[in-house]
PDB file of N, CA and C in Angstrom:
ATOM      1  N   UNK A   1     122.861  87.872  74.453  1.00  0.00           N
ATOM      2  CA  UNK A   1     122.646  88.465  75.746  1.00  0.00           C
ATOM      3  C   UNK A   1     121.932  89.808  75.600  1.00  0.00           C
ATOM      4  N   UNK A   2     122.405  90.613  74.660  1.00  0.00           N
ATOM      5  CA  UNK A   2     121.792  91.923  74.460  1.00  0.00           C
ATOM      6  C   UNK A   2     120.315  91.779  74.121  1.00  0.00           C
ATOM      7  N   UNK A   3     119.970  90.827  73.272  1.00  0.00           N
ATOM      8  CA  UNK A   3     118.577  90.612  72.896  1.00  0.00           C
ATOM      9  C   UNK A   3     117.709  90.229  74.071  1.00  0.00           C
ATOM     10  N   UNK A   4     118.236  89.418  74.957  1.00  0.00           N
ATOM     11  CA  UNK A   4     117.474  89.011  76.143  1.00  0.00           C
ATOM     12  C   UNK A   4     117.224  90.205  77.053  1.00  0.00           C
ATOM     13  N   UNK A   5     118.203  91.068  77.199  1.00  0.00           N
ATOM     14  CA  UNK A   5     118.037  92.254  78.034  1.00  0.00           C
ATOM     15  C   UNK A   5     117.046  93.218  77.385  1.00  0.00           C
ATOM     16  N   UNK A   6     117.139  93.389  76.068  1.00  0.00           N
ATOM     17  CA  UNK A   6     116.212  94.276  75.360  1.00  0.00           C
ATOM     18  C   UNK A   6     114.770  93.805  75.478  1.00  0.00           C
ATOM     19  N   UNK A   7     114.552  92.512  75.666  1.00  0.00           N
ATOM     20  CA  UNK A   7     113.205  91.963  75.768  1.00  0.00           C
ATOM     21  C   UNK A   7     112.572  92.210  77.136  1.00  0.00           C
ATOM     22  N   UNK A   8     113.360  92.674  78.091  1.00  0.00           N
ATOM     23  CA  UNK A   8     112.832  92.932  79.432  1.00  0.00           C
ATOM     24  C   UNK A   8     112.009  94.215  79.449  1.00  0.00           C
ATOM     25  N   UNK A   9     111.075  94.283  80.380  1.00  0.00           N
ATOM     26  CA  UNK A   9     110.364  95.532  80.641  1.00  0.00           C
ATOM     27  C   UNK A   9     111.348  96.508  81.266  1.00  0.00           C
ATOM     28  N   UNK A  10     111.048  97.795  81.174  1.00  0.00           N
ATOM     29  CA  UNK A  10     111.955  98.809  81.700  1.00  0.00           C
ATOM     30  C   UNK A  10     112.260  98.589  83.176  1.00  0.00           C
ATOM     31  N   UNK A  11     111.249  98.283  83.965  1.00  0.00           N
ATOM     32  CA  UNK A  11     111.471  98.064  85.394  1.00  0.00           C
ATOM     33  C   UNK A  11     112.401  96.880  85.633  1.00  0.00           C
ATOM     34  N   UNK A  12     112.276  95.849  84.829  1.00  0.00           N
ATOM     35  CA  UNK A  12     113.150  94.682  84.959  1.00  0.00           C
ATOM     36  C   UNK A  12     114.594  95.046  84.611  1.00  0.00           C
ATOM     37  N   UNK A  13     114.786  95.918  83.625  1.00  0.00           N
ATOM     38  CA  UNK A  13     116.133  96.366  83.285  1.00  0.00           C
ATOM     39  C   UNK A  13     116.744  97.145  84.436  1.00  0.00           C
ATOM     40  N   UNK A  14     115.944  97.992  85.066  1.00  0.00           N
ATOM     41  CA  UNK A  14     116.446  98.770  86.201  1.00  0.00           C
ATOM     42  C   UNK A  14     116.862  97.851  87.344  1.00  0.00           C
ATOM     43  N   UNK A  15     116.069  96.840  87.593  1.00  0.00           N
ATOM     44  CA  UNK A  15     116.394  95.862  88.634  1.00  0.00           C
ATOM     45  C   UNK A  15     117.681  95.125  88.285  1.00  0.00           C
ATOM     46  N   UNK A  16     117.832  94.748  87.026  1.00  0.00           N
ATOM     47  CA  UNK A  16     119.029  94.031  86.593  1.00  0.00           C
ATOM     48  C   UNK A  16     120.275  94.894  86.763  1.00  0.00           C
ATOM     49  N   UNK A  17     120.175  96.171  86.422  1.00  0.00           N
ATOM     50  CA  UNK A  17     121.312  97.080  86.598  1.00  0.00           C
ATOM     51  C   UNK A  17     121.654  97.208  88.086  1.00  0.00           C
ATOM     52  N   UNK A  18     120.639  97.392  88.917  1.00  0.00           N
ATOM     53  CA  UNK A  18     120.883  97.501  90.362  1.00  0.00           C
ATOM     54  C   UNK A  18     121.523  96.221  90.899  1.00  0.00           C
ATOM     55  N   UNK A  19     121.055  95.071  90.462  1.00  0.00           N
ATOM     56  CA  UNK A  19     121.653  93.802  90.900  1.00  0.00           C
ATOM     57  C   UNK A  19     123.108  93.679  90.449  1.00  0.00           C
ATOM     58  N   UNK A  20     123.388  94.125  89.233  1.00  0.00           N
ATOM     59  CA  UNK A  20     124.765  94.066  88.728  1.00  0.00           C
ATOM     60  C   UNK A  20     125.671  94.955  89.569  1.00  0.00           C
ATOM     61  N   UNK A  21     125.194  96.136  89.922  1.00  0.00           N
ATOM     62  CA  UNK A  21     125.991  97.034  90.759  1.00  0.00           C
ATOM     63  C   UNK A  21     126.249  96.428  92.128  1.00  0.00           C
ATOM     64  N   UNK A  22     125.250  95.787  92.694  1.00  0.00           N
ATOM     65  CA  UNK A  22     125.433  95.128  93.991  1.00  0.00           C
ATOM     66  C   UNK A  22     126.412  93.970  93.840  1.00  0.00           C
ATOM     67  N   UNK A  23     126.281  93.224  92.761  1.00  0.00           N
ATOM     68  CA  UNK A  23     127.156  92.083  92.521  1.00  0.00           C
ATOM     69  C   UNK A  23     128.615  92.454  92.366  1.00  0.00           C
ATOM     70  N   UNK A  24     128.884  93.596  91.782  1.00  0.00           N
ATOM     71  CA  UNK A  24     130.293  93.987  91.610  1.00  0.00           C
ATOM     72  C   UNK A  24     130.800  94.841  92.762  1.00  0.00           C
ATOM     73  N   UNK A  25     129.943  95.086  93.762  1.00  0.00           N
ATOM     74  CA  UNK A  25     130.377  95.761  94.973  1.00  0.00           C
ATOM     75  C   UNK A  25     130.187  97.261  95.001  1.00  0.00           C
ATOM     76  N   UNK A  26     129.510  97.832  94.003  1.00  0.00           N
ATOM     77  CA  UNK A  26     129.256  99.269  94.023  1.00  0.00           C
ATOM     78  C   UNK A  26     128.293  99.647  95.140  1.00  0.00           C
ATOM     79  N   UNK A  27     127.388  98.752  95.466  1.00  0.00           N
ATOM     80  CA  UNK A  27     126.416  98.935  96.544  1.00  0.00           C
ATOM     81  C   UNK A  27     126.377  97.646  97.350  1.00  0.00           C
ATOM     82  N   UNK A  28     125.952  97.767  98.597  1.00  0.00           N
ATOM     83  CA  UNK A  28     125.754  96.569  99.413  1.00  0.00           C
ATOM     84  C   UNK A  28     124.298  96.147  99.274  1.00  0.00           C
ATOM     85  N   UNK A  29     123.972  94.998  99.799  1.00  0.00           N
ATOM     86  CA  UNK A  29     122.578  94.548  99.779  1.00  0.00           C
ATOM     87  C   UNK A  29     121.664  95.520 100.494  1.00  0.00           C
ATOM     88  N   UNK A  30     122.195  96.162 101.530  1.00  0.00           N
ATOM     89  CA  UNK A  30     121.408  97.153 102.263  1.00  0.00           C
ATOM     90  C   UNK A  30     121.192  98.411 101.435  1.00  0.00           C
ATOM     91  N   UNK A  31     121.996  98.592 100.395  1.00  0.00           N
ATOM     92  CA  UNK A  31     121.881  99.759  99.525  1.00  0.00           C
ATOM     93  C   UNK A  31     120.975  99.532  98.332  1.00  0.00           C
ATOM     94  N   UNK A  32     120.148  98.482  98.395  1.00  0.00           N
ATOM     95  CA  UNK A  32     119.278  98.134  97.276  1.00  0.00           C
ATOM     96  C   UNK A  32     118.431  99.321  96.813  1.00  0.00           C
ATOM     97  N   UNK A  33     117.771  99.989  97.728  1.00  0.00           N
ATOM     98  CA  UNK A  33     116.883 101.093  97.344  1.00  0.00           C
ATOM     99  C   UNK A  33     117.647 102.211  96.641  1.00  0.00           C
ATOM    100  N   UNK A  34     118.830 102.502  97.132  1.00  0.00           N
ATOM    101  CA  UNK A  34     119.647 103.535  96.495  1.00  0.00           C
ATOM    102  C   UNK A  34     120.093 103.096  95.104  1.00  0.00           C
ATOM    103  N   UNK A  35     120.551 101.855  94.976  1.00  0.00           N
ATOM    104  CA  UNK A  35     120.986 101.344  93.669  1.00  0.00           C
ATOM    105  C   UNK A  35     119.841 101.390  92.666  1.00  0.00           C
ATOM    106  N   UNK A  36     118.665 100.996  93.102  1.00  0.00           N
ATOM    107  CA  UNK A  36     117.488 101.001  92.226  1.00  0.00           C
ATOM    108  C   UNK A  36     117.120 102.424  91.822  1.00  0.00           C
ATOM    109  N   UNK A  37     117.216 103.362  92.760  1.00  0.00           N
ATOM    110  CA  UNK A  37     116.908 104.765  92.465  1.00  0.00           C
ATOM    111  C   UNK A  37     117.901 105.365  91.475  1.00  0.00           C
ATOM    112  N   UNK A  38     119.176 105.071  91.667  1.00  0.00           N
ATOM    113  CA  UNK A  38     120.197 105.589  90.759  1.00  0.00           C
ATOM    114  C   UNK A  38     120.017 104.995  89.368  1.00  0.00           C
ATOM    115  N   UNK A  39     119.693 103.726  89.297  1.00  0.00           N
ATOM    116  CA  UNK A  39     119.441 103.097  87.993  1.00  0.00           C
ATOM    117  C   UNK A  39     118.289 103.795  87.281  1.00  0.00           C
ATOM    118  N   UNK A  40     117.259 104.171  88.022  1.00  0.00           N
ATOM    119  CA  UNK A  40     116.120 104.871  87.424  1.00  0.00           C
ATOM    120  C   UNK A  40     116.533 106.256  86.924  1.00  0.00           C
ATOM    121  N   UNK A  41     117.467 106.883  87.608  1.00  0.00           N
ATOM    122  CA  UNK A  41     117.925 108.216  87.204  1.00  0.00           C
ATOM    123  C   UNK A  41     118.741 108.176  85.917  1.00  0.00           C
ATOM    124  N   UNK A  42     119.437 107.071  85.669  1.00  0.00           N
ATOM    125  CA  UNK A  42     120.283 106.973  84.469  1.00  0.00           C
ATOM    126  C   UNK A  42     119.639 106.106  83.388  1.00  0.00           C
ATOM    127  N   UNK A  43     118.330 105.984  83.439  1.00  0.00           N
ATOM    128  CA  UNK A  43     117.634 105.089  82.511  1.00  0.00           C
ATOM    129  C   UNK A  43     117.803 105.465  81.054  1.00  0.00           C
ATOM    130  N   UNK A  44     118.278 106.667  80.764  1.00  0.00           N
ATOM    131  CA  UNK A  44     118.493 107.057  79.376  1.00  0.00           C
ATOM    132  C   UNK A  44     119.642 106.309  78.719  1.00  0.00           C
ATOM    133  N   UNK A  45     120.461 105.657  79.531  1.00  0.00           N
ATOM    134  CA  UNK A  45     121.585 104.890  78.984  1.00  0.00           C
ATOM    135  C   UNK A  45     121.071 103.672  78.237  1.00  0.00           C
ATOM    136  N   UNK A  46     121.878 103.164  77.347  1.00  0.00           N
ATOM    137  CA  UNK A  46     121.533 101.937  76.644  1.00  0.00           C
ATOM    138  C   UNK A  46     121.905 100.775  77.560  1.00  0.00           C
ATOM    139  N   UNK A  47     120.945 100.353  78.390  1.00  0.00           N
ATOM    140  CA  UNK A  47     121.224  99.344  79.408  1.00  0.00           C
ATOM    141  C   UNK A  47     121.765  98.039  78.843  1.00  0.00           C
ATOM    142  N   UNK A  48     121.245  97.509  77.735  1.00  0.00           N
ATOM    143  CA  UNK A  48     121.822  96.259  77.229  1.00  0.00           C
ATOM    144  C   UNK A  48     123.317  96.379  76.936  1.00  0.00           C
ATOM    145  N   UNK A  49     123.729  97.426  76.231  1.00  0.00           N
ATOM    146  CA  UNK A  49     125.147  97.604  75.937  1.00  0.00           C
ATOM    147  C   UNK A  49     125.947  97.871  77.206  1.00  0.00           C
ATOM    148  N   UNK A  50     125.360  98.646  78.102  1.00  0.00           N
ATOM    149  CA  UNK A  50     126.030  98.955  79.370  1.00  0.00           C
ATOM    150  C   UNK A  50     126.288  97.673  80.156  1.00  0.00           C
ATOM    151  N   UNK A  51     125.281  96.822  80.285  1.00  0.00           N
ATOM    152  CA  UNK A  51     125.416  95.598  81.077  1.00  0.00           C
ATOM    153  C   UNK A  51     126.389  94.615  80.434  1.00  0.00           C
ATOM    154  N   UNK A  52     126.325  94.478  79.128  1.00  0.00           N
ATOM    155  CA  UNK A  52     127.232  93.539  78.444  1.00  0.00           C
ATOM    156  C   UNK A  52     128.677  94.016  78.554  1.00  0.00           C
ATOM    157  N   UNK A  53     128.898  95.327  78.555  1.00  0.00           N
ATOM    158  CA  UNK A  53     130.249  95.867  78.641  1.00  0.00           C
ATOM    159  C   UNK A  53     130.757  96.100  80.040  1.00  0.00           C
ATOM    160  N   UNK A  54     129.920  95.790  81.041  1.00  0.00           N
ATOM    161  CA  UNK A  54     130.285  96.029  82.424  1.00  0.00           C
ATOM    162  C   UNK A  54     131.405  95.088  82.879  1.00  0.00           C
ATOM    163  N   UNK A  55     132.454  95.642  83.531  1.00  0.00           N
ATOM    164  CA  UNK A  55     133.527  94.764  84.034  1.00  0.00           C
ATOM    165  C   UNK A  55     133.060  93.938  85.218  1.00  0.00           C
TER     166      UNK A  55
END
């Protein structure tokens, strides 16, 4: 899973993080733009490890 995420372009990783947040209820579908913006702000995180470890 980590390898597949690492193979994504940066923008695709940001989208995946935003989708994961919406999926677990951190944001609503109407909050897409905000979720995407916040993901861009925290892009320094190791997204593959973050996503795999996400509850």
